[in-house]
Amino acid sequence: MMNKIKINKTELKKIHKITALMIVLSILFKLLVIILLKYTSLEFKQIELDLLNLILIGPILEELLFRGLILKVLKRFFNIRNSIILSSVLFAMLHQNFIQMIYTFMLGIVFANIKEKDNILYSIYAHMVYNCMAILIS
């Protein structure tokens, strides 16, 4: 019989706060773009906004959520190996494209190992570099 995973109220509040923060930051970014487009002479193309999201905003938020919070909570219930695998599965599922899920699962394992050996800043940097390289190749 499987043991139930129990997350205390403090950790659940942290998960809610980080999720809310991700949503708020995403909305604020979109509002900033709207304001810049409406009240300045700056012209942004959609591709420039997508690049900013892929190279900067996405990696920071994804690493904070998956390697910062989810991995930390999973380590309380599982050994490090299983915690990394499970957080990587969740990371892959976020991307919602089967082919992309395969390599994002593997990247999740790499980023989690980087975070565990060094710190989350290195996994954020690695994520940014990977996304940048993926853009340059495609």
N, C-alpha and C. Protein backbone atom coordinates (compact mmCIF):
# COMPACT_ATOMS: atom_id res chain seq x y z
N MET A 1 0.84 -1.17 0.00
CA MET A 1 0.00 0.00 0.00
C MET A 1 0.90 1.25 0.00
N MET A 2 0.55 2.22 -0.84
CA MET A 2 1.35 3.44 -0.94
C MET A 2 1.08 4.37 0.23
N ASN A 3 2.13 5.01 0.68
CA ASN A 3 1.98 6.04 1.71
C ASN A 3 1.45 7.30 1.06
N LYS A 4 0.60 7.99 1.76
CA LYS A 4 0.09 9.25 1.25
C LYS A 4 1.14 10.33 1.47
N ILE A 5 1.26 11.18 0.48
CA ILE A 5 2.18 12.30 0.60
C ILE A 5 1.43 13.41 1.33
N LYS A 6 2.02 13.87 2.42
CA LYS A 6 1.40 14.94 3.18
C LYS A 6 2.26 16.19 3.07
N ILE A 7 1.66 17.25 2.63
CA ILE A 7 2.35 18.53 2.54
C ILE A 7 1.75 19.42 3.61
N ASN A 8 2.60 19.96 4.46
CA ASN A 8 2.06 20.80 5.53
C ASN A 8 1.54 22.12 4.96
N LYS A 9 0.79 22.82 5.78
CA LYS A 9 0.14 24.06 5.32
C LYS A 9 1.13 25.12 4.89
N THR A 10 2.27 25.18 5.55
CA THR A 10 3.29 26.17 5.18
C THR A 10 3.81 25.92 3.77
N GLU A 11 4.10 24.66 3.46
CA GLU A 11 4.60 24.33 2.12
C GLU A 11 3.52 24.55 1.06
N LEU A 12 2.29 24.22 1.40
CA LEU A 12 1.19 24.43 0.47
C LEU A 12 1.02 25.93 0.20
N LYS A 13 1.18 26.74 1.22
CA LYS A 13 1.11 28.19 1.03
C LYS A 13 2.24 28.67 0.12
N LYS A 14 3.44 28.09 0.28
CA LYS A 14 4.57 28.46 -0.58
C LYS A 14 4.26 28.12 -2.03
N ILE A 15 3.71 26.93 -2.26
CA ILE A 15 3.35 26.52 -3.62
C ILE A 15 2.34 27.49 -4.20
N HIS A 16 1.34 27.85 -3.43
CA HIS A 16 0.32 28.80 -3.90
C HIS A 16 0.93 30.16 -4.18
N LYS A 17 1.83 30.60 -3.30
CA LYS A 17 2.45 31.91 -3.50
C LYS A 17 3.31 31.94 -4.75
N ILE A 18 4.09 30.89 -4.97
CA ILE A 18 4.95 30.87 -6.16
C ILE A 18 4.11 30.77 -7.42
N THR A 19 3.07 29.96 -7.39
CA THR A 19 2.18 29.87 -8.56
C THR A 19 1.53 31.22 -8.82
N ALA A 20 1.05 31.87 -7.78
CA ALA A 20 0.44 33.19 -7.95
C ALA A 20 1.46 34.19 -8.46
N LEU A 21 2.69 34.11 -7.94
CA LEU A 21 3.75 35.01 -8.39
C LEU A 21 4.03 34.81 -9.88
N MET A 22 4.07 33.56 -10.33
CA MET A 22 4.30 33.29 -11.75
C MET A 22 3.19 33.90 -12.60
N ILE A 23 1.95 33.76 -12.16
CA ILE A 23 0.82 34.31 -12.90
C ILE A 23 0.89 35.84 -12.91
N VAL A 24 1.16 36.43 -11.75
CA VAL A 24 1.24 37.89 -11.66
C VAL A 24 2.37 38.43 -12.51
N LEU A 25 3.54 37.81 -12.46
CA LEU A 25 4.67 38.26 -13.28
C LEU A 25 4.36 38.17 -14.77
N SER A 26 3.69 37.12 -15.16
CA SER A 26 3.30 36.96 -16.56
C SER A 26 2.34 38.06 -16.98
N ILE A 27 1.36 38.35 -16.13
CA ILE A 27 0.39 39.42 -16.43
C ILE A 27 1.09 40.78 -16.45
N LEU A 28 1.95 41.04 -15.47
CA LEU A 28 2.68 42.31 -15.43
C LEU A 28 3.55 42.50 -16.67
N PHE A 29 4.20 41.43 -17.11
CA PHE A 29 5.01 41.50 -18.32
C PHE A 29 4.15 41.89 -19.52
N LYS A 30 2.99 41.26 -19.64
CA LYS A 30 2.10 41.58 -20.76
C LYS A 30 1.58 43.01 -20.67
N LEU A 31 1.26 43.47 -19.44
CA LEU A 31 0.81 44.85 -19.26
C LEU A 31 1.93 45.84 -19.61
N LEU A 32 3.14 45.53 -19.21
CA LEU A 32 4.28 46.38 -19.54
C LEU A 32 4.44 46.51 -21.04
N VAL A 33 4.30 45.42 -21.73
CA VAL A 33 4.40 45.45 -23.20
C VAL A 33 3.30 46.32 -23.79
N ILE A 34 2.08 46.17 -23.30
CA ILE A 34 0.96 46.97 -23.80
C ILE A 34 1.21 48.46 -23.56
N ILE A 35 1.69 48.78 -22.35
CA ILE A 35 1.97 50.18 -22.02
C ILE A 35 3.09 50.73 -22.91
N LEU A 36 4.15 49.94 -23.09
CA LEU A 36 5.25 50.39 -23.94
C LEU A 36 4.79 50.62 -25.37
N LEU A 37 3.96 49.74 -25.87
CA LEU A 37 3.48 49.88 -27.24
C LEU A 37 2.54 51.07 -27.40
N LYS A 38 1.72 51.32 -26.38
CA LYS A 38 0.71 52.37 -26.48
C LYS A 38 1.28 53.76 -26.23
N TYR A 39 2.17 53.92 -25.26
CA TYR A 39 2.58 55.24 -24.82
C TYR A 39 4.01 55.63 -25.20
N THR A 40 4.67 54.81 -25.95
CA THR A 40 6.02 55.16 -26.40
C THR A 40 6.10 54.95 -27.89
N SER A 41 7.19 55.38 -28.45
CA SER A 41 7.39 55.17 -29.88
C SER A 41 8.11 53.84 -30.15
N LEU A 42 8.32 53.05 -29.09
CA LEU A 42 8.97 51.76 -29.26
C LEU A 42 8.06 50.82 -30.03
N GLU A 43 8.66 50.06 -30.89
CA GLU A 43 7.90 49.05 -31.63
C GLU A 43 8.52 47.69 -31.35
N PHE A 44 7.71 46.81 -30.80
CA PHE A 44 8.14 45.45 -30.54
C PHE A 44 7.44 44.53 -31.52
N LYS A 45 8.19 43.63 -32.05
CA LYS A 45 7.59 42.59 -32.86
C LYS A 45 7.30 41.41 -31.94
N GLN A 46 6.33 40.62 -32.30
CA GLN A 46 5.96 39.47 -31.46
C GLN A 46 7.16 38.57 -31.23
N ILE A 47 8.01 38.43 -32.24
CA ILE A 47 9.17 37.54 -32.08
C ILE A 47 10.11 38.05 -30.99
N GLU A 48 10.26 39.36 -30.87
CA GLU A 48 11.13 39.90 -29.83
C GLU A 48 10.56 39.60 -28.44
N LEU A 49 9.26 39.69 -28.30
CA LEU A 49 8.62 39.37 -27.02
C LEU A 49 8.74 37.89 -26.70
N ASP A 50 8.57 37.06 -27.72
CA ASP A 50 8.71 35.62 -27.52
C ASP A 50 10.13 35.26 -27.11
N LEU A 51 11.11 35.90 -27.73
CA LEU A 51 12.51 35.65 -27.38
C LEU A 51 12.80 36.05 -25.94
N LEU A 52 12.28 37.20 -25.52
CA LEU A 52 12.47 37.64 -24.15
C LEU A 52 11.87 36.63 -23.18
N ASN A 53 10.71 36.12 -23.51
CA ASN A 53 10.06 35.12 -22.66
C ASN A 53 10.84 33.81 -22.64
N LEU A 54 11.29 33.35 -23.80
CA LEU A 54 12.01 32.08 -23.89
C LEU A 54 13.39 32.12 -23.24
N ILE A 55 14.07 33.23 -23.37
CA ILE A 55 15.45 33.31 -22.90
C ILE A 55 15.56 33.81 -21.47
N LEU A 56 14.65 34.63 -21.02
CA LEU A 56 14.81 35.24 -19.70
C LEU A 56 13.71 34.83 -18.71
N ILE A 57 12.49 35.17 -19.02
CA ILE A 57 11.40 34.99 -18.06
C ILE A 57 11.08 33.52 -17.81
N GLY A 58 10.91 32.74 -18.88
CA GLY A 58 10.58 31.33 -18.75
C GLY A 58 11.57 30.54 -17.91
N PRO A 59 12.87 30.60 -18.24
CA PRO A 59 13.84 29.85 -17.45
C PRO A 59 13.86 30.23 -15.96
N ILE A 60 13.73 31.50 -15.66
CA ILE A 60 13.76 31.91 -14.25
C ILE A 60 12.56 31.33 -13.51
N LEU A 61 11.37 31.52 -14.07
CA LEU A 61 10.17 31.05 -13.39
C LEU A 61 10.11 29.53 -13.32
N GLU A 62 10.47 28.86 -14.41
CA GLU A 62 10.43 27.39 -14.42
C GLU A 62 11.43 26.80 -13.44
N GLU A 63 12.62 27.34 -13.37
CA GLU A 63 13.62 26.81 -12.43
C GLU A 63 13.21 27.07 -10.99
N LEU A 64 12.68 28.25 -10.71
CA LEU A 64 12.24 28.52 -9.34
C LEU A 64 11.12 27.57 -8.92
N LEU A 65 10.22 27.27 -9.85
CA LEU A 65 9.12 26.37 -9.50
C LEU A 65 9.58 24.92 -9.43
N PHE A 66 10.21 24.41 -10.50
CA PHE A 66 10.51 22.97 -10.57
C PHE A 66 11.74 22.57 -9.77
N ARG A 67 12.81 23.34 -9.83
CA ARG A 67 14.01 22.97 -9.07
C ARG A 67 14.04 23.64 -7.71
N GLY A 68 13.42 24.79 -7.59
CA GLY A 68 13.42 25.49 -6.31
C GLY A 68 12.40 24.94 -5.34
N LEU A 69 11.16 24.82 -5.78
CA LEU A 69 10.10 24.43 -4.85
C LEU A 69 9.70 22.96 -4.97
N ILE A 70 9.33 22.53 -6.16
CA ILE A 70 8.82 21.16 -6.32
C ILE A 70 9.87 20.13 -5.92
N LEU A 71 11.09 20.29 -6.40
CA LEU A 71 12.15 19.34 -6.05
C LEU A 71 12.40 19.32 -4.54
N LYS A 72 12.38 20.49 -3.93
CA LYS A 72 12.59 20.56 -2.47
C LYS A 72 11.51 19.79 -1.72
N VAL A 73 10.26 19.95 -2.13
CA VAL A 73 9.16 19.23 -1.47
C VAL A 73 9.28 17.73 -1.72
N LEU A 74 9.58 17.33 -2.94
CA LEU A 74 9.69 15.91 -3.26
C LEU A 74 10.80 15.22 -2.48
N LYS A 75 11.89 15.94 -2.22
CA LYS A 75 13.01 15.35 -1.48
C LYS A 75 12.63 14.99 -0.05
N ARG A 76 11.58 15.58 0.45
CA ARG A 76 11.12 15.22 1.80
C ARG A 76 10.47 13.83 1.82
N PHE A 77 9.97 13.39 0.66
CA PHE A 77 9.22 12.14 0.61
C PHE A 77 9.93 11.02 -0.14
N PHE A 78 10.87 11.38 -1.00
CA PHE A 78 11.55 10.39 -1.83
C PHE A 78 13.05 10.61 -1.75
N ASN A 79 13.81 9.62 -2.20
CA ASN A 79 15.25 9.83 -2.28
C ASN A 79 15.54 10.82 -3.41
N ILE A 80 16.76 11.31 -3.46
CA ILE A 80 17.10 12.36 -4.41
C ILE A 80 16.89 11.92 -5.86
N ARG A 81 17.25 10.68 -6.16
CA ARG A 81 17.09 10.16 -7.53
C ARG A 81 15.64 10.19 -7.97
N ASN A 82 14.76 9.65 -7.14
CA ASN A 82 13.34 9.62 -7.49
C ASN A 82 12.72 11.02 -7.50
N SER A 83 13.19 11.88 -6.62
CA SER A 83 12.70 13.26 -6.60
C SER A 83 13.06 13.99 -7.89
N ILE A 84 14.29 13.80 -8.35
CA ILE A 84 14.72 14.42 -9.61
C ILE A 84 13.91 13.87 -10.78
N ILE A 85 13.70 12.57 -10.81
CA ILE A 85 12.93 11.97 -11.90
C ILE A 85 11.50 12.51 -11.91
N LEU A 86 10.86 12.52 -10.75
CA LEU A 86 9.48 12.98 -10.68
C LEU A 86 9.36 14.46 -11.02
N SER A 87 10.26 15.30 -10.53
CA SER A 87 10.20 16.73 -10.87
C SER A 87 10.47 16.93 -12.37
N SER A 88 11.30 16.08 -12.95
CA SER A 88 11.59 16.17 -14.39
C SER A 88 10.38 15.73 -15.23
N VAL A 89 9.65 14.74 -14.74
CA VAL A 89 8.41 14.33 -15.43
C VAL A 89 7.41 15.48 -15.40
N LEU A 90 7.25 16.13 -14.26
CA LEU A 90 6.33 17.27 -14.16
C LEU A 90 6.78 18.41 -15.06
N PHE A 91 8.09 18.66 -15.11
CA PHE A 91 8.64 19.69 -15.98
C PHE A 91 8.34 19.37 -17.44
N ALA A 92 8.50 18.12 -17.83
CA ALA A 92 8.24 17.71 -19.20
C ALA A 92 6.75 17.86 -19.54
N MET A 93 5.90 17.50 -18.60
CA MET A 93 4.45 17.59 -18.84
C MET A 93 4.00 19.03 -19.04
N LEU A 94 4.70 19.97 -18.44
CA LEU A 94 4.38 21.39 -18.61
C LEU A 94 4.44 21.80 -20.08
N HIS A 95 5.32 21.18 -20.84
CA HIS A 95 5.56 21.59 -22.22
C HIS A 95 4.53 21.06 -23.21
N GLN A 96 3.73 20.09 -22.84
CA GLN A 96 2.53 19.64 -23.54
C GLN A 96 2.72 19.24 -25.01
N ASN A 97 3.90 18.93 -25.40
CA ASN A 97 4.16 18.44 -26.75
C ASN A 97 4.97 17.17 -26.57
N PHE A 98 4.47 16.04 -27.10
CA PHE A 98 5.08 14.75 -26.79
C PHE A 98 6.56 14.71 -27.14
N ILE A 99 6.93 15.16 -28.33
CA ILE A 99 8.35 15.14 -28.72
C ILE A 99 9.16 16.04 -27.79
N GLN A 100 8.64 17.20 -27.49
CA GLN A 100 9.34 18.12 -26.60
C GLN A 100 9.43 17.55 -25.19
N MET A 101 8.42 16.78 -24.79
CA MET A 101 8.44 16.17 -23.45
C MET A 101 9.63 15.24 -23.27
N ILE A 102 10.02 14.56 -24.32
CA ILE A 102 11.13 13.61 -24.22
C ILE A 102 12.42 14.33 -23.85
N TYR A 103 12.75 15.37 -24.60
CA TYR A 103 14.01 16.03 -24.28
C TYR A 103 13.90 16.98 -23.09
N THR A 104 12.71 17.52 -22.80
CA THR A 104 12.62 18.35 -21.60
C THR A 104 12.69 17.50 -20.33
N PHE A 105 12.27 16.25 -20.42
CA PHE A 105 12.45 15.34 -19.29
C PHE A 105 13.94 15.17 -19.00
N MET A 106 14.71 14.91 -20.06
CA MET A 106 16.16 14.74 -19.88
C MET A 106 16.81 16.05 -19.40
N LEU A 107 16.36 17.17 -19.95
CA LEU A 107 16.90 18.46 -19.50
C LEU A 107 16.55 18.72 -18.04
N GLY A 108 15.35 18.32 -17.62
CA GLY A 108 14.97 18.47 -16.23
C GLY A 108 15.92 17.74 -15.31
N ILE A 109 16.34 16.55 -15.73
CA ILE A 109 17.30 15.78 -14.94
C ILE A 109 18.64 16.52 -14.88
N VAL A 110 19.08 17.04 -16.01
CA VAL A 110 20.35 17.78 -16.04
C VAL A 110 20.27 19.03 -15.17
N PHE A 111 19.20 19.82 -15.34
CA PHE A 111 19.07 21.05 -14.55
C PHE A 111 18.97 20.75 -13.05
N ALA A 112 18.26 19.69 -12.69
CA ALA A 112 18.13 19.32 -11.27
C ALA A 112 19.48 18.92 -10.70
N ASN A 113 20.27 18.16 -11.47
CA ASN A 113 21.60 17.78 -10.99
C ASN A 113 22.51 18.99 -10.84
N ILE A 114 22.41 19.93 -11.76
CA ILE A 114 23.19 21.16 -11.65
C ILE A 114 22.80 21.90 -10.38
N LYS A 115 21.50 22.01 -10.15
CA LYS A 115 21.01 22.71 -8.95
C LYS A 115 21.48 22.01 -7.68
N GLU A 116 21.43 20.68 -7.67
CA GLU A 116 21.84 19.94 -6.48
C GLU A 116 23.34 20.03 -6.22
N LYS A 117 24.15 20.09 -7.27
CA LYS A 117 25.60 20.16 -7.10
C LYS A 117 26.08 21.57 -6.81
N ASP A 118 25.43 22.56 -7.37
CA ASP A 118 25.83 23.95 -7.17
C ASP A 118 24.70 24.70 -6.48
N ASN A 119 24.00 25.51 -7.24
CA ASN A 119 22.81 26.17 -6.70
C ASN A 119 21.87 26.52 -7.84
N ILE A 120 20.72 27.05 -7.50
CA ILE A 120 19.68 27.27 -8.50
C ILE A 120 20.08 28.31 -9.55
N LEU A 121 20.97 29.22 -9.21
CA LEU A 121 21.40 30.21 -10.20
C LEU A 121 22.09 29.55 -11.39
N TYR A 122 22.84 28.49 -11.13
CA TYR A 122 23.51 27.78 -12.22
C TYR A 122 22.50 27.03 -13.09
N SER A 123 21.46 26.48 -12.48
CA SER A 123 20.46 25.79 -13.30
C SER A 123 19.64 26.80 -14.11
N ILE A 124 19.39 27.98 -13.55
CA ILE A 124 18.71 29.04 -14.32
C ILE A 124 19.57 29.43 -15.51
N TYR A 125 20.85 29.64 -15.26
CA TYR A 125 21.77 30.01 -16.34
C TYR A 125 21.83 28.92 -17.41
N ALA A 126 21.94 27.66 -17.00
CA ALA A 126 21.97 26.55 -17.97
C ALA A 126 20.69 26.50 -18.78
N HIS A 127 19.57 26.74 -18.15
CA HIS A 127 18.28 26.74 -18.83
C HIS A 127 18.24 27.88 -19.86
N MET A 128 18.72 29.05 -19.48
CA MET A 128 18.77 30.18 -20.41
C MET A 128 19.66 29.88 -21.60
N VAL A 129 20.84 29.33 -21.32
CA VAL A 129 21.78 28.99 -22.40
C VAL A 129 21.16 27.96 -23.33
N TYR A 130 20.53 26.94 -22.76
CA TYR A 130 19.90 25.91 -23.61
C TYR A 130 18.83 26.54 -24.50
N ASN A 131 17.94 27.35 -23.93
CA ASN A 131 16.88 27.96 -24.73
C ASN A 131 17.47 28.84 -25.82
N CYS A 132 18.52 29.58 -25.50
CA CYS A 132 19.18 30.43 -26.48
C CYS A 132 19.77 29.60 -27.62
N MET A 133 20.44 28.51 -27.27
CA MET A 133 21.01 27.63 -28.30
C MET A 133 19.90 27.00 -29.16
N ALA A 134 18.81 26.61 -28.54
CA ALA A 134 17.69 26.02 -29.29
C ALA A 134 17.13 27.01 -30.29
N ILE A 135 17.06 28.28 -29.89
CA ILE A 135 16.56 29.32 -30.79
C ILE A 135 17.53 29.52 -31.95
N LEU A 136 18.82 29.57 -31.65
CA LEU A 136 19.82 29.79 -32.69
C LEU A 136 19.85 28.63 -33.69
N ILE A 137 19.64 27.43 -33.22
CA ILE A 137 19.67 26.25 -34.10
C ILE A 137 18.42 26.19 -34.98
N SER A 138 17.29 26.60 -34.42
CA SER A 138 16.03 26.47 -35.18
C SER A 138 15.77 27.60 -36.12
